[in-house]
Amino acid sequence: MFESLSDKLKKTLKNLRGQGKLTPEHVDAALREIRMALLEADVNYKVAKDFVESVRAKAEGQEVWQGLNPHEQVVKIVYDELAALMGGTSSRLVFTKQIPNVVMIVGLQGSGKTTSTGKISRWLRDNQERKPLLVSVDVYRPAAREQLRVVGSAVGVPVYENKESSDPMTLVRGAMKHAQDMGFDTLMIDTAGRLHIDDDLMVELEQIKAETKPIEVLFVADAMTGQDAVNSAEIFHKRVGVTGVVLTKMDGDARGGAALSIRQVIGQPVKFVGVGEKYDAIEPFYPDRIAQRILGMGDVLTLIEEVQGKIDEQEAQAQLAKMTRNQFTLEDFKAQLGQFKKLGSMSKLMKMLPEQMTGGMQLSDEQSAEVDHQMKRTEAIIDSMTRSERNDHRIIDASRKTRIAGGSGTTIGEVNQLLRQYEQMRKMMAQMNKGGLLAGLGKRMMGGLAGGLGGMLGGGMPGLPSGGDEDSGSRSVKKKKRHKKRK
């Protein structure tokens, strides 16, 4: 998400770095580029204009072109304004002691309301210790209530059903009573949508709101529709009173215009973003972290949260202990690959790392798919080894390599590449351990990522493309030996 805007902003700000001393003219030129980048990202025209003027006022007020590090000051101002544009801080759902707290999910048909209802309920259960109940009052779309039942089953959240009634008000009253009787503290109401905004839809939503007195009315919008999503949100807000926005398909939205505009237009924050099709692919919206990603600063906090939520702590600690004793085997490496895959694609992870760590390198979708394919081949190679070979790679001779390659459907060259890169990773870990760095890093973070990100950034992750052919590593070693003999 935000790829095109991010690329343009980073290029514009990088050009400022090349100036020995900034002048008002340099800043003006940069602001013109920023304004164009925002408009091309489908940001609302008035929002883009106000953003640029705000950056200009801050820059002129601080006289950045007279400072020692004017480029850094401009980047800081742009970062602060980007974060402020999107809401400043994360806005969590705030609950009361009332039973149940009602959350209405509203939006146009096809925006992803039903799936988002399930995703949010799961997130609330897992992260805010809520006990949610779902109910669908979409009695118009065929199989709409059945769809919510399927979603509820997939996320492990109960769904209230009354097959004898097709009246939205009867359904919400029944769900409210059921929640009170059974102790559900949160009622998620999946409301009806239309392909377009009409008065009947709005009247029904107003009636449901008056009946249930929700603590939150969340508007769900498809981020890829850009300003159409913003315009729809504005109309819903005027009629129903939206308290927050959920943007779906953010992983496929390279521009991000809706996320950047909607807070300024309707005055309500984005609270969640959908970042994939899986039911756990939803994240709270953190404006400051998104601003960091856009400017290439990474998003390490979200990465750490991902690791802590998806990596098994006991296994991570056991692997860390093996690393510090230099006993990290191919068996352990395979286990780490399994942990690593839980975090998502390689391209997603690299976007969360600061550019200083990745050297500015990012993976395209095709490259990320290739990495995933290579990881599967790596697992296949290790699976074709015997237990003794996995625990001591030094016993793998030529005949064993032939057997392993045949069993995994790979080549001897690929087996050699895996072993060579695995050796490099072990050496890197040994060096980190000598310096005390390995033990100093967080156990959970290190256990989940050391073999993966550390290996990749430190000289090639075993089984992943290293930028050369299969024998490039061995040829470079031979070249070094010949160079020593000449000396």
Protein backbone atom coordinates (compact mmCIF):
# COMPACT_ATOMS: atom_id res chain seq x y z
CA MET A 1 0.00 0.00 0.00
CA PHE A 2 1.07 3.60 -0.72
CA GLU A 3 3.82 2.29 -3.03
CA SER A 4 3.51 4.99 -5.71
CA LEU A 5 3.19 7.84 -3.19
CA SER A 6 6.06 6.45 -1.12
CA ASP A 7 8.37 6.22 -4.14
CA LYS A 8 7.64 9.79 -5.23
CA LEU A 9 7.98 11.33 -1.76
CA LYS A 10 11.24 9.50 -1.04
CA LYS A 11 12.66 10.64 -4.40
CA THR A 12 11.62 14.25 -3.77
CA LEU A 13 13.10 14.35 -0.27
CA LYS A 14 16.25 12.58 -1.46
CA ASN A 15 16.79 15.38 -4.00
CA LEU A 16 16.74 17.88 -1.13
CA ARG A 17 19.55 15.95 0.57
CA GLY A 18 21.81 16.63 -2.40
CA GLN A 19 21.68 20.39 -1.80
CA GLY A 20 24.53 21.83 0.24
CA LYS A 21 22.27 24.49 1.70
CA LEU A 22 18.52 24.69 1.28
CA THR A 23 16.86 27.83 0.03
CA PRO A 24 13.17 28.80 -0.07
CA GLU A 25 13.31 27.98 -3.79
CA HIS A 26 14.44 24.39 -3.05
CA VAL A 27 11.60 23.95 -0.57
CA ASP A 28 9.06 25.41 -3.01
CA ALA A 29 10.16 22.98 -5.73
CA ALA A 30 9.94 20.06 -3.31
CA LEU A 31 6.46 21.10 -2.16
CA ARG A 32 5.25 21.26 -5.77
CA GLU A 33 6.47 17.70 -6.25
CA ILE A 34 4.80 16.60 -3.00
CA ARG A 35 1.51 18.20 -4.04
CA MET A 36 1.61 16.42 -7.40
CA ALA A 37 2.46 13.12 -5.68
CA LEU A 38 -0.55 13.49 -3.38
CA LEU A 39 -2.91 14.29 -6.26
CA GLU A 40 -1.60 11.34 -8.28
CA ALA A 41 -2.26 9.18 -5.21
CA ASP A 42 -5.93 10.21 -5.52
CA VAL A 43 -5.86 12.42 -2.43
CA ASN A 44 -8.71 14.93 -2.23
CA TYR A 45 -7.66 18.21 -3.92
CA LYS A 46 -8.41 20.43 -0.92
CA VAL A 47 -6.67 17.99 1.44
CA ALA A 48 -3.54 18.00 -0.74
CA LYS A 49 -3.56 21.81 -0.94
CA ASP A 50 -3.97 22.23 2.83
CA PHE A 51 -1.25 19.64 3.51
CA VAL A 52 1.31 21.46 1.36
CA GLU A 53 0.46 24.83 2.88
CA SER A 54 0.81 23.40 6.38
CA VAL A 55 4.25 21.94 5.55
CA ARG A 56 5.27 25.27 4.02
CA ALA A 57 4.19 27.23 7.12
CA LYS A 58 6.08 24.88 9.44
CA ALA A 59 9.19 24.96 7.26
CA GLU A 60 9.23 28.75 7.00
CA GLY A 61 8.51 29.12 10.70
CA GLN A 62 11.54 27.00 11.60
CA GLU A 63 13.77 28.47 8.87
CA VAL A 64 14.95 24.98 8.02
CA TRP A 65 17.24 26.11 5.21
CA GLN A 66 19.49 27.85 7.74
CA GLY A 67 19.88 24.79 9.99
CA LEU A 68 22.74 22.31 10.14
CA ASN A 69 20.59 19.43 8.87
CA PRO A 70 17.88 21.11 6.78
CA HIS A 71 16.99 17.95 4.88
CA GLU A 72 16.27 16.03 8.09
CA GLN A 73 14.14 18.89 9.37
CA VAL A 74 12.02 18.91 6.22
CA VAL A 75 11.57 15.13 6.43
CA LYS A 76 10.52 15.49 10.08
CA ILE A 77 7.95 18.15 9.18
CA VAL A 78 6.54 16.04 6.31
CA TYR A 79 6.37 13.01 8.63
CA ASP A 80 4.54 14.98 11.36
CA GLU A 81 2.05 16.40 8.86
CA LEU A 82 1.41 13.01 7.24
CA ALA A 83 0.68 11.47 10.63
CA ALA A 84 -1.57 14.41 11.57
CA LEU A 85 -3.37 14.18 8.20
CA MET A 86 -4.36 10.58 8.95
CA GLY A 87 -5.45 11.28 12.52
CA GLY A 88 -2.28 11.62 14.59
CA THR A 89 -2.72 8.62 16.87
CA SER A 90 -4.41 5.24 16.68
CA SER A 91 -8.10 5.24 17.64
CA ARG A 92 -9.14 2.07 19.45
CA LEU A 93 -12.73 1.04 20.00
CA VAL A 94 -13.70 2.29 23.46
CA PHE A 95 -16.15 0.13 25.38
CA THR A 96 -18.41 0.84 28.37
CA LYS A 97 -19.73 -1.42 31.16
CA GLN A 98 -23.05 -1.69 29.33
CA ILE A 99 -24.08 -5.23 28.25
CA PRO A 100 -23.91 -5.50 25.33
CA ASN A 101 -21.87 -2.75 23.69
CA VAL A 102 -23.24 -2.48 20.14
CA VAL A 103 -21.02 -1.94 17.09
CA MET A 104 -22.87 -1.21 13.83
CA ILE A 105 -21.09 -2.09 10.59
CA VAL A 106 -22.38 0.00 7.67
CA GLY A 107 -21.41 0.59 4.05
CA LEU A 108 -22.26 -0.09 0.44
CA GLN A 109 -22.82 -3.59 -0.91
CA GLY A 110 -19.58 -5.25 -2.02
CA SER A 111 -17.32 -3.21 0.26
CA GLY A 112 -16.51 -6.18 2.49
CA LYS A 113 -18.84 -5.51 5.44
CA THR A 114 -19.60 -9.13 6.34
CA THR A 115 -15.99 -10.31 6.19
CA SER A 116 -14.86 -7.23 8.12
CA THR A 117 -17.49 -7.92 10.79
CA GLY A 118 -15.95 -11.34 11.35
CA LYS A 119 -12.36 -10.07 11.24
CA ILE A 120 -13.01 -7.27 13.73
CA SER A 121 -14.89 -9.56 16.12
CA ARG A 122 -11.97 -11.99 16.08
CA TRP A 123 -9.50 -9.15 16.66
CA LEU A 124 -11.54 -7.82 19.59
CA ARG A 125 -11.71 -11.28 21.14
CA ASP A 126 -7.97 -11.91 20.77
CA ASN A 127 -6.64 -8.42 21.56
CA GLN A 128 -9.19 -6.67 23.79
CA GLU A 129 -10.57 -9.72 25.61
CA ARG A 130 -14.11 -9.09 24.37
CA LYS A 131 -16.85 -11.73 24.05
CA PRO A 132 -18.58 -10.81 20.78
CA LEU A 133 -21.83 -12.01 19.23
CA LEU A 134 -22.61 -11.48 15.54
CA VAL A 135 -25.96 -10.81 13.89
CA SER A 136 -26.88 -10.05 10.28
CA VAL A 137 -29.85 -7.80 9.54
CA ASP A 138 -29.29 -7.93 5.78
CA VAL A 139 -32.61 -9.57 4.86
CA TYR A 140 -32.50 -8.40 1.23
CA ARG A 141 -29.37 -9.90 -0.30
CA PRO A 142 -29.72 -13.64 -1.01
CA ALA A 143 -27.73 -15.80 1.44
CA ALA A 144 -26.38 -12.73 3.28
CA ARG A 145 -27.21 -14.18 6.70
CA GLU A 146 -25.80 -17.55 5.68
CA GLN A 147 -22.57 -15.81 4.67
CA LEU A 148 -22.19 -14.31 8.15
CA ARG A 149 -22.84 -17.73 9.69
CA VAL A 150 -19.97 -19.16 7.61
CA VAL A 151 -17.68 -16.26 8.55
CA GLY A 152 -18.61 -16.60 12.23
CA SER A 153 -17.80 -20.30 12.14
CA ALA A 154 -14.43 -19.59 10.48
CA VAL A 155 -13.36 -17.05 13.12
CA GLY A 156 -14.87 -18.97 16.03
CA VAL A 157 -17.42 -16.31 17.02
CA PRO A 158 -21.12 -17.24 17.61
CA VAL A 159 -23.85 -15.84 15.37
CA TYR A 160 -27.41 -15.04 16.50
CA GLU A 161 -30.00 -16.44 14.07
CA ASN A 162 -33.77 -16.26 13.90
CA LYS A 163 -34.87 -18.05 10.74
CA GLU A 164 -38.53 -17.30 11.45
CA SER A 165 -38.12 -13.54 11.02
CA SER A 166 -37.03 -11.33 8.13
CA ASP A 167 -37.59 -8.04 9.92
CA PRO A 168 -34.36 -6.15 10.75
CA MET A 169 -35.79 -4.59 13.93
CA THR A 170 -37.04 -7.96 15.23
CA LEU A 171 -33.59 -9.44 14.56
CA VAL A 172 -31.67 -6.72 16.43
CA ARG A 173 -34.05 -6.84 19.41
CA GLY A 174 -33.71 -10.61 19.59
CA ALA A 175 -29.90 -10.37 19.32
CA MET A 176 -29.76 -7.72 22.06
CA LYS A 177 -31.79 -9.90 24.45
CA HIS A 178 -29.76 -13.01 23.59
CA ALA A 179 -26.51 -11.13 24.26
CA GLN A 180 -27.78 -9.93 27.64
CA ASP A 181 -29.05 -13.39 28.63
CA MET A 182 -25.87 -15.24 27.56
CA GLY A 183 -23.30 -12.67 28.73
CA PHE A 184 -21.96 -11.46 25.36
CA ASP A 185 -20.43 -8.05 26.04
CA THR A 186 -20.21 -6.96 22.37
CA LEU A 187 -22.89 -7.20 19.66
CA MET A 188 -21.61 -6.74 16.09
CA ILE A 189 -24.46 -5.83 13.71
CA ASP A 190 -23.79 -6.53 10.02
CA THR A 191 -26.25 -4.19 8.32
CA ALA A 192 -27.66 -4.25 4.80
CA GLY A 193 -25.97 -2.43 1.94
CA ARG A 194 -26.97 -1.28 -1.51
CA LEU A 195 -25.11 -0.90 -4.79
CA HIS A 196 -25.87 2.81 -4.44
CA ILE A 197 -26.97 5.12 -1.64
CA ASP A 198 -30.74 5.39 -1.28
CA ASP A 199 -33.12 6.86 1.28
CA ASP A 200 -34.68 3.54 2.32
CA LEU A 201 -31.26 2.22 3.37
CA MET A 202 -30.51 5.31 5.43
CA VAL A 203 -33.90 5.27 7.17
CA GLU A 204 -33.38 1.64 8.17
CA LEU A 205 -29.89 2.40 9.54
CA GLU A 206 -31.25 5.36 11.50
CA GLN A 207 -33.92 3.13 13.05
CA ILE A 208 -31.40 0.44 14.03
CA LYS A 209 -29.14 3.07 15.56
CA ALA A 210 -32.01 4.58 17.56
CA GLU A 211 -33.01 1.12 18.82
CA THR A 212 -29.55 -0.19 19.79
CA LYS A 213 -27.68 3.02 20.74
CA PRO A 214 -24.31 1.75 19.42
CA ILE A 215 -21.02 2.89 20.90
CA GLU A 216 -19.47 2.68 17.42
CA VAL A 217 -20.79 3.04 13.87
CA LEU A 218 -18.03 1.78 11.57
CA PHE A 219 -18.20 2.60 7.87
CA VAL A 220 -16.57 -0.09 5.70
CA ALA A 221 -15.14 1.06 2.37
CA ASP A 222 -13.10 -0.50 -0.40
CA ALA A 223 -9.81 1.46 -0.34
CA MET A 224 -9.24 0.79 -4.04
CA THR A 225 -12.24 2.96 -4.97
CA GLY A 226 -10.32 6.04 -3.75
CA GLN A 227 -12.35 9.23 -3.63
CA ASP A 228 -15.60 7.34 -4.24
CA ALA A 229 -15.04 5.73 -0.83
CA VAL A 230 -14.48 9.16 0.72
CA ASN A 231 -17.63 10.60 -0.86
CA SER A 232 -19.75 7.65 0.33
CA ALA A 233 -18.31 7.96 3.84
CA GLU A 234 -19.28 11.63 3.89
CA ILE A 235 -22.91 10.86 2.97
CA PHE A 236 -23.19 8.03 5.53
CA HIS A 237 -21.67 10.28 8.19
CA LYS A 238 -24.21 13.05 7.56
CA ARG A 239 -27.16 10.65 7.84
CA VAL A 240 -26.07 8.06 10.40
CA GLY A 241 -23.15 9.58 12.28
CA VAL A 242 -20.08 7.46 11.53
CA THR A 243 -17.57 7.14 14.40
CA GLY A 244 -14.81 5.38 12.49
CA VAL A 245 -13.78 3.90 9.15
CA VAL A 246 -12.62 0.42 8.10
CA LEU A 247 -10.70 0.36 4.82
CA THR A 248 -10.60 -3.01 3.06
CA LYS A 249 -8.16 -4.18 0.35
CA MET A 250 -5.41 -1.87 1.59
CA ASP A 251 -2.85 -4.48 0.53
CA GLY A 252 -3.94 -3.98 -3.08
CA ASP A 253 -4.18 -0.16 -2.96
CA ALA A 254 -0.87 1.21 -4.25
CA ARG A 255 -2.09 4.83 -4.07
CA GLY A 256 -3.74 5.20 -0.65
CA GLY A 257 -5.83 8.28 -1.47
CA ALA A 258 -8.80 7.18 0.65
CA ALA A 259 -6.68 6.57 3.75
CA LEU A 260 -5.01 9.97 3.38
CA SER A 261 -8.21 11.93 2.70
CA ILE A 262 -11.01 10.41 4.74
CA ARG A 263 -9.99 11.75 8.18
CA GLN A 264 -9.84 15.34 6.93
CA VAL A 265 -13.09 15.13 4.95
CA ILE A 266 -15.45 13.53 7.51
CA GLY A 267 -13.54 14.32 10.72
CA GLN A 268 -13.57 10.67 11.85
CA PRO A 269 -10.55 8.37 12.03
CA VAL A 270 -9.67 5.21 10.16
CA LYS A 271 -9.76 2.51 12.86
CA PHE A 272 -8.96 -0.69 10.99
CA VAL A 273 -7.45 -1.68 7.64
CA GLY A 274 -7.88 -4.99 5.86
CA VAL A 275 -4.55 -6.22 4.50
CA GLY A 276 -5.44 -9.59 2.97
CA GLU A 277 -8.10 -12.22 2.49
CA LYS A 278 -7.32 -14.33 5.58
CA TYR A 279 -9.44 -13.75 8.68
CA ASP A 280 -6.44 -12.52 10.69
CA ALA A 281 -5.46 -10.05 7.95
CA ILE A 282 -6.76 -6.94 9.68
CA GLU A 283 -4.76 -4.34 11.57
CA PRO A 284 -5.52 -1.33 13.75
CA PHE A 285 -4.68 1.83 11.82
CA TYR A 286 -1.65 3.64 13.24
CA PRO A 287 -1.16 6.99 11.42
CA ASP A 288 2.37 7.48 12.76
CA ARG A 289 3.48 4.02 11.67
CA ILE A 290 1.88 4.42 8.23
CA ALA A 291 3.71 7.75 7.82
CA GLN A 292 6.97 5.97 8.68
CA ARG A 293 6.31 3.34 6.03
CA ILE A 294 5.50 5.96 3.39
CA LEU A 295 8.79 7.79 4.05
CA GLY A 296 10.89 4.60 4.12
CA MET A 297 11.45 4.63 7.88
CA GLY A 298 9.98 1.14 8.29
CA ASP A 299 7.46 -0.03 10.86
CA VAL A 300 9.43 -2.04 13.36
CA LEU A 301 6.77 -1.77 16.10
CA THR A 302 4.17 -3.51 13.95
CA LEU A 303 6.74 -6.11 12.93
CA ILE A 304 7.53 -6.84 16.59
CA GLU A 305 3.81 -7.14 17.37
CA GLU A 306 3.42 -9.56 14.45
CA VAL A 307 6.30 -11.66 15.76
CA GLN A 308 5.00 -11.66 19.33
CA GLY A 309 1.51 -12.61 18.18
CA LYS A 310 2.47 -15.39 15.76
CA ILE A 311 5.78 -16.85 16.97
CA ASP A 312 5.74 -19.54 19.66
CA GLU A 313 7.68 -18.08 22.61
CA GLN A 314 8.96 -21.35 24.08
CA GLU A 315 10.21 -22.57 20.72
CA ALA A 316 11.81 -19.17 20.08
CA GLN A 317 13.68 -19.27 23.38
CA ALA A 318 14.87 -22.83 22.70
CA GLN A 319 16.18 -21.77 19.29
CA LEU A 320 17.89 -18.71 20.77
CA ALA A 321 19.67 -20.95 23.29
CA LYS A 322 20.93 -23.15 20.45
CA MET A 323 22.14 -20.09 18.54
CA THR A 324 24.13 -18.80 21.49
CA ARG A 325 25.77 -22.25 21.84
CA ASN A 326 26.40 -22.41 18.07
CA GLN A 327 24.24 -25.56 17.86
CA PHE A 328 21.81 -24.26 15.25
CA THR A 329 21.13 -27.17 12.86
CA LEU A 330 19.33 -27.58 9.55
CA GLU A 331 16.47 -29.13 11.53
CA ASP A 332 16.22 -25.89 13.54
CA PHE A 333 16.45 -23.85 10.37
CA LYS A 334 13.49 -25.70 8.86
CA ALA A 335 11.50 -25.02 12.04
CA GLN A 336 12.34 -21.32 11.70
CA LEU A 337 11.17 -21.29 8.09
CA GLY A 338 7.81 -22.56 9.35
CA GLN A 339 7.68 -19.76 11.95
CA PHE A 340 8.83 -17.23 9.39
CA LYS A 341 6.02 -18.08 6.95
CA LYS A 342 3.42 -17.27 9.61
CA LEU A 343 4.43 -13.61 9.37
CA GLY A 344 3.39 -13.23 5.73
CA SER A 345 5.22 -12.57 2.49
CA MET A 346 8.82 -11.43 2.33
CA SER A 347 7.82 -8.21 0.53
CA LYS A 348 5.45 -7.33 3.39
CA LEU A 349 8.17 -7.89 6.00
CA MET A 350 10.78 -5.87 4.11
CA LYS A 351 8.42 -2.90 3.93
CA MET A 352 8.34 -2.89 7.74
CA LEU A 353 12.13 -2.58 7.96
CA PRO A 354 13.92 0.80 7.75
CA GLU A 355 15.70 1.42 4.45
CA GLN A 356 19.03 1.56 6.32
CA MET A 357 18.62 -2.17 7.04
CA THR A 358 17.50 -3.23 3.57
CA GLY A 359 19.72 -0.85 1.59
CA GLY A 360 16.57 0.54 -0.01
CA MET A 361 15.88 -2.83 -1.63
CA GLN A 362 12.24 -3.82 -1.99
CA LEU A 363 10.73 -6.91 -3.57
CA SER A 364 8.10 -6.87 -6.28
CA ASP A 365 5.14 -9.24 -6.05
CA GLU A 366 6.87 -11.53 -8.57
CA GLN A 367 10.12 -11.53 -6.58
CA SER A 368 8.23 -12.16 -3.34
CA ALA A 369 6.45 -15.11 -4.97
CA GLU A 370 9.83 -16.44 -6.10
CA VAL A 371 11.13 -16.17 -2.54
CA ASP A 372 8.13 -18.13 -1.27
CA HIS A 373 8.79 -20.75 -3.96
CA GLN A 374 12.45 -20.99 -2.97
CA MET A 375 11.51 -21.43 0.67
CA LYS A 376 9.33 -24.40 -0.27
CA ARG A 377 12.24 -25.91 -2.23
CA THR A 378 14.51 -25.38 0.78
CA GLU A 379 12.05 -27.24 2.98
CA ALA A 380 11.88 -30.03 0.40
CA ILE A 381 15.69 -30.36 0.41
CA ILE A 382 15.86 -30.55 4.20
CA ASP A 383 12.94 -33.02 4.28
CA SER A 384 14.95 -35.29 1.95
CA MET A 385 17.82 -35.48 4.45
CA THR A 386 18.13 -38.06 7.16
CA ARG A 387 17.92 -36.96 10.79
CA SER A 388 21.69 -37.36 11.20
CA GLU A 389 22.31 -35.21 8.10
CA ARG A 390 20.04 -32.45 9.40
CA ASN A 391 21.81 -32.46 12.77
CA ASP A 392 25.34 -32.53 11.27
CA HIS A 393 25.57 -31.12 7.76
CA ARG A 394 29.30 -31.95 7.58
CA ILE A 395 28.59 -35.62 6.87
CA ILE A 396 26.79 -34.76 3.61
CA ASP A 397 29.19 -35.98 0.91
CA ALA A 398 28.75 -36.19 -2.88
CA SER A 399 26.70 -39.43 -2.86
CA ARG A 400 24.40 -38.07 -0.15
CA LYS A 401 23.91 -34.83 -2.12
CA THR A 402 22.88 -36.86 -5.17
CA ARG A 403 20.31 -38.75 -3.09
CA ILE A 404 18.97 -35.56 -1.45
CA ALA A 405 18.64 -33.77 -4.81
CA GLY A 406 16.77 -36.73 -6.30
CA GLY A 407 14.45 -37.02 -3.31
CA SER A 408 13.56 -33.30 -3.28
CA GLY A 409 13.23 -32.82 -7.03
CA THR A 410 16.08 -30.30 -7.07
CA THR A 411 19.65 -30.22 -8.43
CA ILE A 412 22.95 -30.92 -6.72
CA GLY A 413 23.79 -27.26 -7.30
CA GLU A 414 20.75 -26.18 -5.30
CA VAL A 415 21.71 -28.54 -2.47
CA ASN A 416 25.23 -27.06 -2.52
CA GLN A 417 23.82 -23.54 -2.47
CA LEU A 418 21.66 -24.30 0.57
CA LEU A 419 24.62 -25.79 2.47
CA ARG A 420 26.91 -22.94 1.49
CA GLN A 421 24.50 -20.23 2.58
CA TYR A 422 23.64 -22.15 5.74
CA GLU A 423 27.37 -22.13 6.62
CA GLN A 424 27.50 -18.38 6.03
CA MET A 425 24.55 -17.87 8.36
CA ARG A 426 26.18 -19.96 11.10
CA LYS A 427 29.36 -17.88 10.82
CA MET A 428 27.35 -14.67 11.06
CA MET A 429 25.58 -15.93 14.20
CA ALA A 430 28.92 -16.94 15.74
CA GLN A 431 30.30 -13.43 15.12
CA MET A 432 27.18 -11.84 16.62
CA ASN A 433 27.46 -14.13 19.63
CA LYS A 434 31.13 -13.21 20.21
CA GLY A 435 30.20 -9.54 20.31
CA GLY A 436 27.36 -10.18 22.73
CA LEU A 437 24.84 -8.89 20.18
CA LEU A 438 22.89 -12.13 19.82
CA ALA A 439 22.05 -12.41 23.51
CA GLY A 440 21.24 -8.71 23.68
CA LEU A 441 18.48 -8.87 21.09
CA GLY A 442 14.94 -9.62 22.24
CA LYS A 443 14.38 -13.35 22.67
CA ARG A 444 11.08 -13.48 20.88
CA MET A 445 12.21 -11.25 18.04
CA MET A 446 15.49 -13.11 17.61
CA GLY A 447 13.98 -16.55 17.88
CA GLY A 448 11.49 -15.81 15.15
CA LEU A 449 13.58 -13.79 12.75
CA ALA A 450 17.32 -14.26 13.31
CA GLY A 451 17.69 -17.10 10.86
CA GLY A 452 15.38 -15.43 8.38
CA LEU A 453 15.85 -11.68 8.17
CA GLY A 454 19.30 -11.83 9.75
CA GLY A 455 20.50 -14.39 7.23
CA MET A 456 18.99 -12.55 4.30
CA LEU A 457 20.33 -9.14 5.25
CA GLY A 458 23.66 -10.49 6.40
CA GLY A 459 24.67 -12.34 3.26
CA GLY A 460 21.90 -14.41 1.76
CA MET A 461 19.18 -16.45 3.34
CA PRO A 462 19.59 -20.18 2.77
CA GLY A 463 17.41 -21.31 -0.09
CA LEU A 464 16.68 -17.75 -1.31
CA PRO A 465 18.01 -16.04 -4.45
CA SER A 466 21.39 -14.49 -3.70
CA GLY A 467 21.75 -12.54 -6.92
CA GLY A 468 24.25 -14.88 -8.59
CA ASP A 469 24.40 -18.32 -10.16
CA GLU A 470 24.84 -21.54 -8.25
CA ASP A 471 28.62 -21.62 -8.37
CA SER A 472 29.37 -17.91 -7.94
CA GLY A 473 30.22 -18.39 -4.27
CA SER A 474 32.71 -21.20 -4.93
CA ARG A 475 34.31 -19.26 -7.79
CA SER A 476 34.84 -16.21 -5.57
CA VAL A 477 36.54 -18.44 -2.98
CA LYS A 478 38.87 -19.89 -5.65
CA LYS A 479 39.65 -16.37 -6.87
CA LYS A 480 40.66 -15.29 -3.35
CA LYS A 481 42.97 -18.33 -3.05
CA ARG A 482 44.67 -17.53 -6.37
CA HIS A 483 45.09 -13.92 -5.25
CA LYS A 484 46.84 -15.06 -2.05
CA LYS A 485 49.25 -17.32 -4.02
CA ARG A 486 50.26 -14.41 -6.28
CA LYS A 487 51.09 -12.37 -3.18
